[in-house]
Amino acid sequence: MLRESVNTSGQNYEFKAVTGMAETESDIPEAALLADFAEAVVNRDATTIDQLRAQIVERLGEAEAVDAAAIAAAFHGFVRVADST
């Protein structure tokens, strides 16, 4: 999924930036904020999710916050399906 979306965007992304392992800056806007949000989703930390969601809306916009939440939920779901098979 990620590979194909990168191919269609025509931009250069360093996905290690999201995991904190990048050696260079990333083209992903607010990568650290999005990584923290994903981590909070995985940890089911509702308080942190609410705080980070507000920051994402403020810095990136409401539509991007919805996208971030949908992506985090989808990947969380993929793991649950994979674990159940």
N, C-alpha and C. Protein backbone atom coordinates (compact mmCIF):
# COMPACT_ATOMS: atom_id res chain seq x y z
N MET A 1 0.82 -1.19 0.00
CA MET A 1 0.00 0.00 0.00
C MET A 1 0.86 1.25 0.00
N LEU A 2 1.81 1.32 0.90
CA LEU A 2 2.63 2.51 0.97
C LEU A 2 3.45 2.70 -0.30
N ARG A 3 4.01 1.62 -0.80
CA ARG A 3 4.83 1.71 -2.00
C ARG A 3 4.05 2.29 -3.16
N GLU A 4 2.83 1.84 -3.34
CA GLU A 4 2.03 2.32 -4.45
C GLU A 4 1.61 3.77 -4.28
N SER A 5 1.28 4.18 -3.06
CA SER A 5 0.89 5.57 -2.87
C SER A 5 2.08 6.50 -3.09
N VAL A 6 3.28 6.05 -2.74
CA VAL A 6 4.48 6.85 -3.01
C VAL A 6 4.72 6.94 -4.50
N ASN A 7 4.53 5.84 -5.21
CA ASN A 7 4.74 5.85 -6.66
C ASN A 7 3.79 6.82 -7.36
N THR A 8 2.59 6.95 -6.87
CA THR A 8 1.63 7.85 -7.52
C THR A 8 1.83 9.30 -7.13
N SER A 9 2.46 9.56 -5.98
CA SER A 9 2.63 10.95 -5.53
C SER A 9 3.80 11.63 -6.22
N GLY A 10 4.79 10.85 -6.65
CA GLY A 10 5.96 11.43 -7.29
C GLY A 10 6.91 12.14 -6.34
N GLN A 11 6.71 11.98 -5.03
CA GLN A 11 7.58 12.61 -4.06
C GLN A 11 8.50 11.58 -3.43
N ASN A 12 9.57 12.06 -2.82
CA ASN A 12 10.54 11.20 -2.17
C ASN A 12 10.25 11.15 -0.67
N TYR A 13 10.01 9.96 -0.15
CA TYR A 13 9.74 9.81 1.27
C TYR A 13 10.76 8.89 1.90
N GLU A 14 11.17 9.23 3.09
CA GLU A 14 12.07 8.40 3.88
C GLU A 14 11.23 7.81 5.01
N PHE A 15 10.76 6.58 4.84
CA PHE A 15 9.86 5.99 5.81
C PHE A 15 10.52 5.71 7.15
N LYS A 16 11.82 5.62 7.17
CA LYS A 16 12.52 5.46 8.45
C LYS A 16 12.30 6.68 9.34
N ALA A 17 11.96 7.81 8.75
CA ALA A 17 11.70 9.03 9.53
C ALA A 17 10.51 8.82 10.47
N VAL A 18 9.56 8.03 10.05
CA VAL A 18 8.38 7.78 10.86
C VAL A 18 8.72 6.91 12.06
N THR A 19 9.70 6.05 11.93
CA THR A 19 10.07 5.17 13.03
C THR A 19 11.22 5.74 13.86
N GLY A 20 11.68 6.92 13.50
CA GLY A 20 12.77 7.55 14.24
C GLY A 20 14.14 7.03 13.87
N MET A 21 14.26 6.33 12.76
CA MET A 21 15.52 5.73 12.38
C MET A 21 16.16 6.42 11.16
N ALA A 22 15.62 7.54 10.75
CA ALA A 22 16.13 8.21 9.55
C ALA A 22 17.45 8.91 9.82
N GLU A 23 18.28 8.95 8.80
CA GLU A 23 19.54 9.67 8.89
C GLU A 23 19.42 11.06 8.28
N THR A 24 18.37 11.30 7.51
CA THR A 24 18.17 12.59 6.85
C THR A 24 16.76 13.07 7.14
N GLU A 25 16.49 14.32 6.77
CA GLU A 25 15.15 14.86 6.93
C GLU A 25 14.19 14.15 5.99
N SER A 26 12.94 14.17 6.34
CA SER A 26 11.90 13.52 5.55
C SER A 26 11.05 14.55 4.82
N ASP A 27 10.49 14.14 3.70
CA ASP A 27 9.53 14.98 2.98
C ASP A 27 8.13 14.85 3.57
N ILE A 28 7.96 14.00 4.57
CA ILE A 28 6.66 13.82 5.20
C ILE A 28 6.45 14.97 6.18
N PRO A 29 5.46 15.82 5.93
CA PRO A 29 5.22 16.93 6.86
C PRO A 29 4.84 16.41 8.25
N GLU A 30 5.48 16.96 9.27
CA GLU A 30 5.19 16.61 10.67
C GLU A 30 5.32 15.11 10.93
N ALA A 31 6.37 14.50 10.38
CA ALA A 31 6.58 13.05 10.51
C ALA A 31 6.64 12.61 11.97
N ALA A 32 7.33 13.36 12.80
CA ALA A 32 7.46 12.98 14.21
C ALA A 32 6.11 13.02 14.91
N LEU A 33 5.32 14.04 14.62
CA LEU A 33 3.98 14.15 15.20
C LEU A 33 3.11 12.97 14.77
N LEU A 34 3.17 12.61 13.50
CA LEU A 34 2.38 11.49 13.00
C LEU A 34 2.84 10.16 13.61
N ALA A 35 4.15 10.01 13.80
CA ALA A 35 4.67 8.80 14.43
C ALA A 35 4.20 8.70 15.88
N ASP A 36 4.21 9.83 16.58
CA ASP A 36 3.72 9.84 17.96
C ASP A 36 2.23 9.48 18.01
N PHE A 37 1.48 9.98 17.05
CA PHE A 37 0.04 9.68 16.98
C PHE A 37 -0.17 8.18 16.75
N ALA A 38 0.57 7.61 15.81
CA ALA A 38 0.45 6.17 15.53
C ALA A 38 0.81 5.34 16.76
N GLU A 39 1.85 5.76 17.46
CA GLU A 39 2.26 5.06 18.68
C GLU A 39 1.16 5.12 19.74
N ALA A 40 0.53 6.27 19.88
CA ALA A 40 -0.56 6.42 20.85
C ALA A 40 -1.74 5.53 20.48
N VAL A 41 -2.02 5.40 19.18
CA VAL A 41 -3.11 4.52 18.74
C VAL A 41 -2.79 3.07 19.10
N VAL A 42 -1.57 2.65 18.81
CA VAL A 42 -1.16 1.27 19.12
C VAL A 42 -1.25 1.01 20.62
N ASN A 43 -0.87 2.00 21.41
CA ASN A 43 -0.89 1.85 22.87
C ASN A 43 -2.27 2.12 23.48
N ARG A 44 -3.23 2.48 22.64
CA ARG A 44 -4.60 2.78 23.09
C ARG A 44 -4.62 3.82 24.20
N ASP A 45 -3.80 4.85 24.02
CA ASP A 45 -3.68 5.93 24.99
C ASP A 45 -4.61 7.07 24.57
N ALA A 46 -5.85 7.03 25.04
CA ALA A 46 -6.88 7.96 24.59
C ALA A 46 -6.53 9.42 24.88
N THR A 47 -5.93 9.68 26.02
CA THR A 47 -5.57 11.06 26.36
C THR A 47 -4.55 11.61 25.38
N THR A 48 -3.51 10.84 25.11
CA THR A 48 -2.47 11.27 24.17
C THR A 48 -3.03 11.37 22.76
N ILE A 49 -3.88 10.43 22.37
CA ILE A 49 -4.50 10.48 21.04
C ILE A 49 -5.25 11.80 20.88
N ASP A 50 -6.04 12.17 21.86
CA ASP A 50 -6.80 13.42 21.78
C ASP A 50 -5.88 14.63 21.65
N GLN A 51 -4.81 14.66 22.44
CA GLN A 51 -3.87 15.78 22.39
C GLN A 51 -3.18 15.86 21.03
N LEU A 52 -2.72 14.73 20.54
CA LEU A 52 -2.01 14.70 19.26
C LEU A 52 -2.95 14.99 18.10
N ARG A 53 -4.18 14.50 18.18
CA ARG A 53 -5.16 14.79 17.13
C ARG A 53 -5.35 16.30 17.00
N ALA A 54 -5.46 16.98 18.12
CA ALA A 54 -5.63 18.44 18.10
C ALA A 54 -4.41 19.12 17.46
N GLN A 55 -3.22 18.61 17.76
CA GLN A 55 -2.01 19.17 17.16
C GLN A 55 -1.97 18.93 15.66
N ILE A 56 -2.39 17.74 15.23
CA ILE A 56 -2.42 17.43 13.80
C ILE A 56 -3.38 18.35 13.08
N VAL A 57 -4.56 18.57 13.65
CA VAL A 57 -5.53 19.49 13.04
C VAL A 57 -4.92 20.88 12.94
N GLU A 58 -4.29 21.33 14.00
CA GLU A 58 -3.71 22.68 14.03
C GLU A 58 -2.58 22.84 13.00
N ARG A 59 -1.71 21.83 12.91
CA ARG A 59 -0.53 21.95 12.05
C ARG A 59 -0.75 21.53 10.61
N LEU A 60 -1.62 20.53 10.40
CA LEU A 60 -1.79 19.98 9.06
C LEU A 60 -3.18 20.19 8.48
N GLY A 61 -4.17 20.34 9.33
CA GLY A 61 -5.54 20.52 8.85
C GLY A 61 -6.44 19.36 9.23
N GLU A 62 -7.73 19.63 9.18
CA GLU A 62 -8.72 18.63 9.60
C GLU A 62 -8.73 17.41 8.69
N ALA A 63 -8.65 17.63 7.38
CA ALA A 63 -8.68 16.50 6.44
C ALA A 63 -7.48 15.58 6.66
N GLU A 64 -6.32 16.15 6.93
CA GLU A 64 -5.13 15.35 7.17
C GLU A 64 -5.23 14.59 8.49
N ALA A 65 -5.90 15.18 9.48
CA ALA A 65 -6.12 14.47 10.75
C ALA A 65 -7.01 13.26 10.52
N VAL A 66 -8.01 13.42 9.69
CA VAL A 66 -8.89 12.29 9.36
C VAL A 66 -8.09 11.22 8.64
N ASP A 67 -7.25 11.62 7.68
CA ASP A 67 -6.41 10.66 6.97
C ASP A 67 -5.48 9.92 7.92
N ALA A 68 -4.85 10.65 8.84
CA ALA A 68 -3.93 10.02 9.79
C ALA A 68 -4.65 9.01 10.66
N ALA A 69 -5.84 9.37 11.13
CA ALA A 69 -6.61 8.45 11.97
C ALA A 69 -7.05 7.22 11.17
N ALA A 70 -7.47 7.42 9.94
CA ALA A 70 -7.90 6.29 9.10
C ALA A 70 -6.74 5.34 8.81
N ILE A 71 -5.59 5.90 8.52
CA ILE A 71 -4.42 5.07 8.24
C ILE A 71 -3.99 4.29 9.48
N ALA A 72 -3.94 4.98 10.61
CA ALA A 72 -3.56 4.30 11.86
C ALA A 72 -4.54 3.19 12.18
N ALA A 73 -5.83 3.44 12.00
CA ALA A 73 -6.85 2.43 12.28
C ALA A 73 -6.72 1.25 11.31
N ALA A 74 -6.48 1.54 10.05
CA ALA A 74 -6.36 0.48 9.06
C ALA A 74 -5.17 -0.43 9.38
N PHE A 75 -4.02 0.17 9.66
CA PHE A 75 -2.85 -0.66 9.95
C PHE A 75 -3.03 -1.43 11.25
N HIS A 76 -3.67 -0.82 12.22
CA HIS A 76 -3.96 -1.52 13.47
C HIS A 76 -4.86 -2.73 13.18
N GLY A 77 -5.82 -2.54 12.29
CA GLY A 77 -6.71 -3.63 11.90
C GLY A 77 -5.99 -4.72 11.13
N PHE A 78 -5.07 -4.33 10.24
CA PHE A 78 -4.31 -5.32 9.47
C PHE A 78 -3.55 -6.26 10.40
N VAL A 79 -2.95 -5.70 11.43
CA VAL A 79 -2.18 -6.50 12.38
C VAL A 79 -3.10 -7.48 13.12
N ARG A 80 -4.27 -6.99 13.51
CA ARG A 80 -5.20 -7.87 14.22
C ARG A 80 -5.66 -9.03 13.33
N VAL A 81 -5.91 -8.75 12.05
CA VAL A 81 -6.32 -9.80 11.12
C VAL A 81 -5.18 -10.79 10.94
N ALA A 82 -3.97 -10.28 10.75
CA ALA A 82 -2.81 -11.15 10.55
C ALA A 82 -2.56 -12.01 11.78
N ASP A 83 -2.72 -11.44 12.95
CA ASP A 83 -2.52 -12.21 14.17
C ASP A 83 -3.56 -13.29 14.38
N SER A 84 -4.74 -13.09 13.81
CA SER A 84 -5.82 -14.07 14.03
C SER A 84 -5.78 -15.23 13.04
N THR A 85 -4.92 -15.15 12.05
CA THR A 85 -4.87 -16.23 11.05
C THR A 85 -3.71 -17.15 11.27
